[in-house]
Amino acid sequence: MKPTIPGPLTGAEIEELDRFLLDAEGSEESMDISTLDGFLTAIICGSKTIMPHRTEEGRDLP
């Protein structure tokens, strides 16, 4: 069976994601939907591959 590629999020899904992001514990540093969009866009457009085992400071995880 060929996997289906999901389409764009609906307006309701975007609102739900935004509420989820803003309700996160430690909300002082949580992202809203616009910040998340910019963050993910920067990752996609960046010239360097960000490896999953690296933190945002570039240090190895313990």
PDB file of N, CA and C in Angstrom:
ATOM      1  N   MET A   1       0.839  -1.172   0.000  1.00  0.00           N
ATOM      2  CA  MET A   1       0.000   0.000   0.000  1.00  0.00           C
ATOM      3  C   MET A   1       0.891   1.244   0.000  1.00  0.00           C
ATOM      4  N   LYS A   2       0.622   2.141  -0.892  1.00  0.00           N
ATOM      5  CA  LYS A   2       1.403   3.366  -1.004  1.00  0.00           C
ATOM      6  C   LYS A   2       0.952   4.364   0.069  1.00  0.00           C
ATOM      7  N   PRO A   3       1.901   4.908   0.863  1.00  0.00           N
ATOM      8  CA  PRO A   3       1.502   5.872   1.899  1.00  0.00           C
ATOM      9  C   PRO A   3       0.998   7.163   1.266  1.00  0.00           C
ATOM     10  N   THR A   4       0.028   7.769   1.918  1.00  0.00           N
ATOM     11  CA  THR A   4      -0.499   9.038   1.419  1.00  0.00           C
ATOM     12  C   THR A   4       0.262  10.192   2.055  1.00  0.00           C
ATOM     13  N   ILE A   5       0.447  11.228   1.293  1.00  0.00           N
ATOM     14  CA  ILE A   5       1.110  12.432   1.797  1.00  0.00           C
ATOM     15  C   ILE A   5       0.018  13.379   2.284  1.00  0.00           C
ATOM     16  N   PRO A   6       0.083  13.777   3.559  1.00  0.00           N
ATOM     17  CA  PRO A   6      -0.962  14.669   4.067  1.00  0.00           C
ATOM     18  C   PRO A   6      -0.907  16.030   3.383  1.00  0.00           C
ATOM     19  N   GLY A   7      -2.053  16.635   3.226  1.00  0.00           N
ATOM     20  CA  GLY A   7      -2.125  17.967   2.632  1.00  0.00           C
ATOM     21  C   GLY A   7      -1.836  19.030   3.672  1.00  0.00           C
ATOM     22  N   PRO A   8      -1.996  20.289   3.284  1.00  0.00           N
ATOM     23  CA  PRO A   8      -1.769  21.386   4.233  1.00  0.00           C
ATOM     24  C   PRO A   8      -2.753  21.311   5.401  1.00  0.00           C
ATOM     25  N   LEU A   9      -2.360  21.892   6.518  1.00  0.00           N
ATOM     26  CA  LEU A   9      -3.243  21.936   7.681  1.00  0.00           C
ATOM     27  C   LEU A   9      -4.450  22.820   7.387  1.00  0.00           C
ATOM     28  N   THR A  10      -5.585  22.452   7.959  1.00  0.00           N
ATOM     29  CA  THR A  10      -6.775  23.295   7.852  1.00  0.00           C
ATOM     30  C   THR A  10      -6.653  24.445   8.850  1.00  0.00           C
ATOM     31  N   GLY A  11      -7.498  25.440   8.710  1.00  0.00           N
ATOM     32  CA  GLY A  11      -7.500  26.554   9.656  1.00  0.00           C
ATOM     33  C   GLY A  11      -7.735  26.086  11.082  1.00  0.00           C
ATOM     34  N   ALA A  12      -8.644  25.122  11.249  1.00  0.00           N
ATOM     35  CA  ALA A  12      -8.935  24.591  12.586  1.00  0.00           C
ATOM     36  C   ALA A  12      -7.720  23.864  13.160  1.00  0.00           C
ATOM     37  N   GLU A  13      -7.004  23.123  12.324  1.00  0.00           N
ATOM     38  CA  GLU A  13      -5.806  22.420  12.792  1.00  0.00           C
ATOM     39  C   GLU A  13      -4.707  23.403  13.183  1.00  0.00           C
ATOM     40  N   ILE A  14      -4.570  24.481  12.440  1.00  0.00           N
ATOM     41  CA  ILE A  14      -3.573  25.504  12.774  1.00  0.00           C
ATOM     42  C   ILE A  14      -3.917  26.164  14.102  1.00  0.00           C
ATOM     43  N   GLU A  15      -5.191  26.481  14.313  1.00  0.00           N
ATOM     44  CA  GLU A  15      -5.614  27.073  15.588  1.00  0.00           C
ATOM     45  C   GLU A  15      -5.371  26.105  16.744  1.00  0.00           C
ATOM     46  N   GLU A  16      -5.658  24.819  16.538  1.00  0.00           N
ATOM     47  CA  GLU A  16      -5.422  23.812  17.581  1.00  0.00           C
ATOM     48  C   GLU A  16      -3.935  23.704  17.904  1.00  0.00           C
ATOM     49  N   LEU A  17      -3.094  23.705  16.889  1.00  0.00           N
ATOM     50  CA  LEU A  17      -1.647  23.647  17.099  1.00  0.00           C
ATOM     51  C   LEU A  17      -1.161  24.888  17.835  1.00  0.00           C
ATOM     52  N   ASP A  18      -1.669  26.057  17.471  1.00  0.00           N
ATOM     53  CA  ASP A  18      -1.273  27.298  18.137  1.00  0.00           C
ATOM     54  C   ASP A  18      -1.655  27.261  19.613  1.00  0.00           C
ATOM     55  N   ARG A  19      -2.869  26.798  19.919  1.00  0.00           N
ATOM     56  CA  ARG A  19      -3.290  26.678  21.328  1.00  0.00           C
ATOM     57  C   ARG A  19      -2.399  25.691  22.070  1.00  0.00           C
ATOM     58  N   PHE A  20      -2.086  24.564  21.438  1.00  0.00           N
ATOM     59  CA  PHE A  20      -1.214  23.561  22.058  1.00  0.00           C
ATOM     60  C   PHE A  20       0.152  24.154  22.378  1.00  0.00           C
ATOM     61  N   LEU A  21       0.727  24.873  21.421  1.00  0.00           N
ATOM     62  CA  LEU A  21       2.049  25.468  21.630  1.00  0.00           C
ATOM     63  C   LEU A  21       2.024  26.494  22.760  1.00  0.00           C
ATOM     64  N   LEU A  22       0.994  27.310  22.809  1.00  0.00           N
ATOM     65  CA  LEU A  22       0.918  28.364  23.822  1.00  0.00           C
ATOM     66  C   LEU A  22       0.558  27.829  25.203  1.00  0.00           C
ATOM     67  N   ASP A  23      -0.080  26.659  25.269  1.00  0.00           N
ATOM     68  CA  ASP A  23      -0.444  26.062  26.557  1.00  0.00           C
ATOM     69  C   ASP A  23       0.678  25.231  27.163  1.00  0.00           C
ATOM     70  N   ALA A  24       1.782  25.095  26.460  1.00  0.00           N
ATOM     71  CA  ALA A  24       2.896  24.273  26.942  1.00  0.00           C
ATOM     72  C   ALA A  24       3.435  24.832  28.252  1.00  0.00           C
ATOM     73  N   GLU A  25       3.880  23.930  29.121  1.00  0.00           N
ATOM     74  CA  GLU A  25       4.497  24.374  30.369  1.00  0.00           C
ATOM     75  C   GLU A  25       5.745  25.173  30.051  1.00  0.00           C
ATOM     76  N   GLY A  26       6.041  26.154  30.892  1.00  0.00           N
ATOM     77  CA  GLY A  26       7.186  27.018  30.629  1.00  0.00           C
ATOM     78  C   GLY A  26       6.903  27.918  29.442  1.00  0.00           C
ATOM     79  N   SER A  27       5.667  28.412  29.375  1.00  0.00           N
ATOM     80  CA  SER A  27       5.220  29.144  28.193  1.00  0.00           C
ATOM     81  C   SER A  27       6.008  30.421  27.918  1.00  0.00           C
ATOM     82  N   GLU A  28       6.867  30.839  28.846  1.00  0.00           N
ATOM     83  CA  GLU A  28       7.682  32.025  28.585  1.00  0.00           C
ATOM     84  C   GLU A  28       8.577  31.810  27.373  1.00  0.00           C
ATOM     85  N   GLU A  29       8.973  30.578  27.129  1.00  0.00           N
ATOM     86  CA  GLU A  29       9.868  30.276  26.021  1.00  0.00           C
ATOM     87  C   GLU A  29       9.178  29.477  24.921  1.00  0.00           C
ATOM     88  N   SER A  30       7.870  29.269  25.028  1.00  0.00           N
ATOM     89  CA  SER A  30       7.189  28.479  24.005  1.00  0.00           C
ATOM     90  C   SER A  30       6.996  29.301  22.732  1.00  0.00           C
ATOM     91  N   MET A  31       6.855  28.615  21.627  1.00  0.00           N
ATOM     92  CA  MET A  31       6.675  29.265  20.332  1.00  0.00           C
ATOM     93  C   MET A  31       5.194  29.373  20.015  1.00  0.00           C
ATOM     94  N   ASP A  32       4.810  30.464  19.358  1.00  0.00           N
ATOM     95  CA  ASP A  32       3.480  30.498  18.779  1.00  0.00           C
ATOM     96  C   ASP A  32       3.593  29.950  17.358  1.00  0.00           C
ATOM     97  N   ILE A  33       2.487  29.864  16.660  1.00  0.00           N
ATOM     98  CA  ILE A  33       2.493  29.238  15.341  1.00  0.00           C
ATOM     99  C   ILE A  33       3.376  29.998  14.351  1.00  0.00           C
ATOM    100  N   SER A  34       3.421  31.317  14.443  1.00  0.00           N
ATOM    101  CA  SER A  34       4.256  32.110  13.529  1.00  0.00           C
ATOM    102  C   SER A  34       5.740  31.868  13.777  1.00  0.00           C
ATOM    103  N   THR A  35       6.121  31.780  15.045  1.00  0.00           N
ATOM    104  CA  THR A  35       7.519  31.511  15.385  1.00  0.00           C
ATOM    105  C   THR A  35       7.918  30.114  14.926  1.00  0.00           C
ATOM    106  N   LEU A  36       7.033  29.147  15.127  1.00  0.00           N
ATOM    107  CA  LEU A  36       7.305  27.784  14.677  1.00  0.00           C
ATOM    108  C   LEU A  36       7.477  27.742  13.160  1.00  0.00           C
ATOM    109  N   ASP A  37       6.627  28.459  12.437  1.00  0.00           N
ATOM    110  CA  ASP A  37       6.735  28.511  10.979  1.00  0.00           C
ATOM    111  C   ASP A  37       8.094  29.065  10.558  1.00  0.00           C
ATOM    112  N   GLY A  38       8.525  30.152  11.175  1.00  0.00           N
ATOM    113  CA  GLY A  38       9.829  30.731  10.853  1.00  0.00           C
ATOM    114  C   GLY A  38      10.973  29.799  11.204  1.00  0.00           C
ATOM    115  N   PHE A  39      10.864  29.131  12.348  1.00  0.00           N
ATOM    116  CA  PHE A  39      11.903  28.199  12.786  1.00  0.00           C
ATOM    117  C   PHE A  39      12.058  27.047  11.797  1.00  0.00           C
ATOM    118  N   LEU A  40      10.938  26.440  11.415  1.00  0.00           N
ATOM    119  CA  LEU A  40      10.996  25.315  10.484  1.00  0.00           C
ATOM    120  C   LEU A  40      11.450  25.757   9.098  1.00  0.00           C
ATOM    121  N   THR A  41      11.053  26.951   8.676  1.00  0.00           N
ATOM    122  CA  THR A  41      11.509  27.486   7.392  1.00  0.00           C
ATOM    123  C   THR A  41      13.016  27.679   7.404  1.00  0.00           C
ATOM    124  N   ALA A  42      13.551  28.200   8.508  1.00  0.00           N
ATOM    125  CA  ALA A  42      14.998  28.401   8.618  1.00  0.00           C
ATOM    126  C   ALA A  42      15.745  27.071   8.559  1.00  0.00           C
ATOM    127  N   ILE A  43      15.196  26.045   9.184  1.00  0.00           N
ATOM    128  CA  ILE A  43      15.832  24.726   9.141  1.00  0.00           C
ATOM    129  C   ILE A  43      15.864  24.199   7.708  1.00  0.00           C
ATOM    130  N   ILE A  44      14.758  24.339   7.003  1.00  0.00           N
ATOM    131  CA  ILE A  44      14.685  23.841   5.627  1.00  0.00           C
ATOM    132  C   ILE A  44      15.624  24.611   4.708  1.00  0.00           C
ATOM    133  N   CYS A  45      15.708  25.924   4.893  1.00  0.00           N
ATOM    134  CA  CYS A  45      16.512  26.777   4.005  1.00  0.00           C
ATOM    135  C   CYS A  45      17.984  26.825   4.387  1.00  0.00           C
ATOM    136  N   GLY A  46      18.320  26.359   5.578  1.00  0.00           N
ATOM    137  CA  GLY A  46      19.696  26.450   6.055  1.00  0.00           C
ATOM    138  C   GLY A  46      20.665  25.663   5.194  1.00  0.00           C
ATOM    139  N   SER A  47      21.890  26.135   5.151  1.00  0.00           N
ATOM    140  CA  SER A  47      22.900  25.477   4.322  1.00  0.00           C
ATOM    141  C   SER A  47      23.545  24.281   5.015  1.00  0.00           C
ATOM    142  N   LYS A  48      23.353  24.161   6.322  1.00  0.00           N
ATOM    143  CA  LYS A  48      23.931  23.039   7.062  1.00  0.00           C
ATOM    144  C   LYS A  48      22.819  22.115   7.529  1.00  0.00           C
ATOM    145  N   THR A  49      23.106  20.830   7.500  1.00  0.00           N
ATOM    146  CA  THR A  49      22.162  19.851   8.016  1.00  0.00           C
ATOM    147  C   THR A  49      22.240  19.856   9.533  1.00  0.00           C
ATOM    148  N   ILE A  50      21.089  19.928  10.186  1.00  0.00           N
ATOM    149  CA  ILE A  50      21.039  19.881  11.645  1.00  0.00           C
ATOM    150  C   ILE A  50      20.790  18.435  12.038  1.00  0.00           C
ATOM    151  N   MET A  51      21.773  17.842  12.660  1.00  0.00           N
ATOM    152  CA  MET A  51      21.663  16.449  13.058  1.00  0.00           C
ATOM    153  C   MET A  51      20.783  16.331  14.300  1.00  0.00           C
ATOM    154  N   PRO A  52      19.944  15.298  14.383  1.00  0.00           N
ATOM    155  CA  PRO A  52      19.027  15.158  15.510  1.00  0.00           C
ATOM    156  C   PRO A  52      19.714  15.036  16.862  1.00  0.00           C
ATOM    157  N   HIS A  53      20.972  14.627  16.908  1.00  0.00           N
ATOM    158  CA  HIS A  53      21.644  14.425  18.189  1.00  0.00           C
ATOM    159  C   HIS A  53      22.313  15.702  18.692  1.00  0.00           C
ATOM    160  N   ARG A  54      22.101  16.836  18.039  1.00  0.00           N
ATOM    161  CA  ARG A  54      22.712  18.105  18.451  1.00  0.00           C
ATOM    162  C   ARG A  54      21.648  19.008  19.088  1.00  0.00           C
ATOM    163  N   THR A  55      22.070  19.808  20.062  1.00  0.00           N
ATOM    164  CA  THR A  55      21.169  20.787  20.648  1.00  0.00           C
ATOM    165  C   THR A  55      21.281  22.082  19.873  1.00  0.00           C
ATOM    166  N   GLU A  56      20.428  23.069  20.214  1.00  0.00           N
ATOM    167  CA  GLU A  56      20.492  24.327  19.477  1.00  0.00           C
ATOM    168  C   GLU A  56      21.789  25.082  19.719  1.00  0.00           C
ATOM    169  N   GLU A  57      22.495  24.773  20.812  1.00  0.00           N
ATOM    170  CA  GLU A  57      23.776  25.426  21.068  1.00  0.00           C
ATOM    171  C   GLU A  57      24.917  24.732  20.343  1.00  0.00           C
ATOM    172  N   GLY A  58      24.636  23.626  19.660  1.00  0.00           N
ATOM    173  CA  GLY A  58      25.668  22.923  18.922  1.00  0.00           C
ATOM    174  C   GLY A  58      26.486  21.954  19.751  1.00  0.00           C
ATOM    175  N   ARG A  59      26.056  21.713  20.992  1.00  0.00           N
ATOM    176  CA  ARG A  59      26.779  20.764  21.849  1.00  0.00           C
ATOM    177  C   ARG A  59      26.107  19.398  21.758  1.00  0.00           C
ATOM    178  N   ASP A  60      26.898  18.374  21.974  1.00  0.00           N
ATOM    179  CA  ASP A  60      26.333  17.032  22.011  1.00  0.00           C
ATOM    180  C   ASP A  60      25.449  16.884  23.239  1.00  0.00           C
ATOM    181  N   LEU A  61      24.387  16.118  23.096  1.00  0.00           N
ATOM    182  CA  LEU A  61      23.532  15.818  24.234  1.00  0.00           C
ATOM    183  C   LEU A  61      24.248  14.842  25.155  1.00  0.00           C
ATOM    184  N   PRO A  62      23.929  14.871  26.457  1.00  0.00           N
ATOM    185  CA  PRO A  62      24.584  13.935  27.390  1.00  0.00           C
ATOM    186  C   PRO A  62      24.210  12.502  27.096  1.00  0.00           C
TER     187      PRO A  62
END
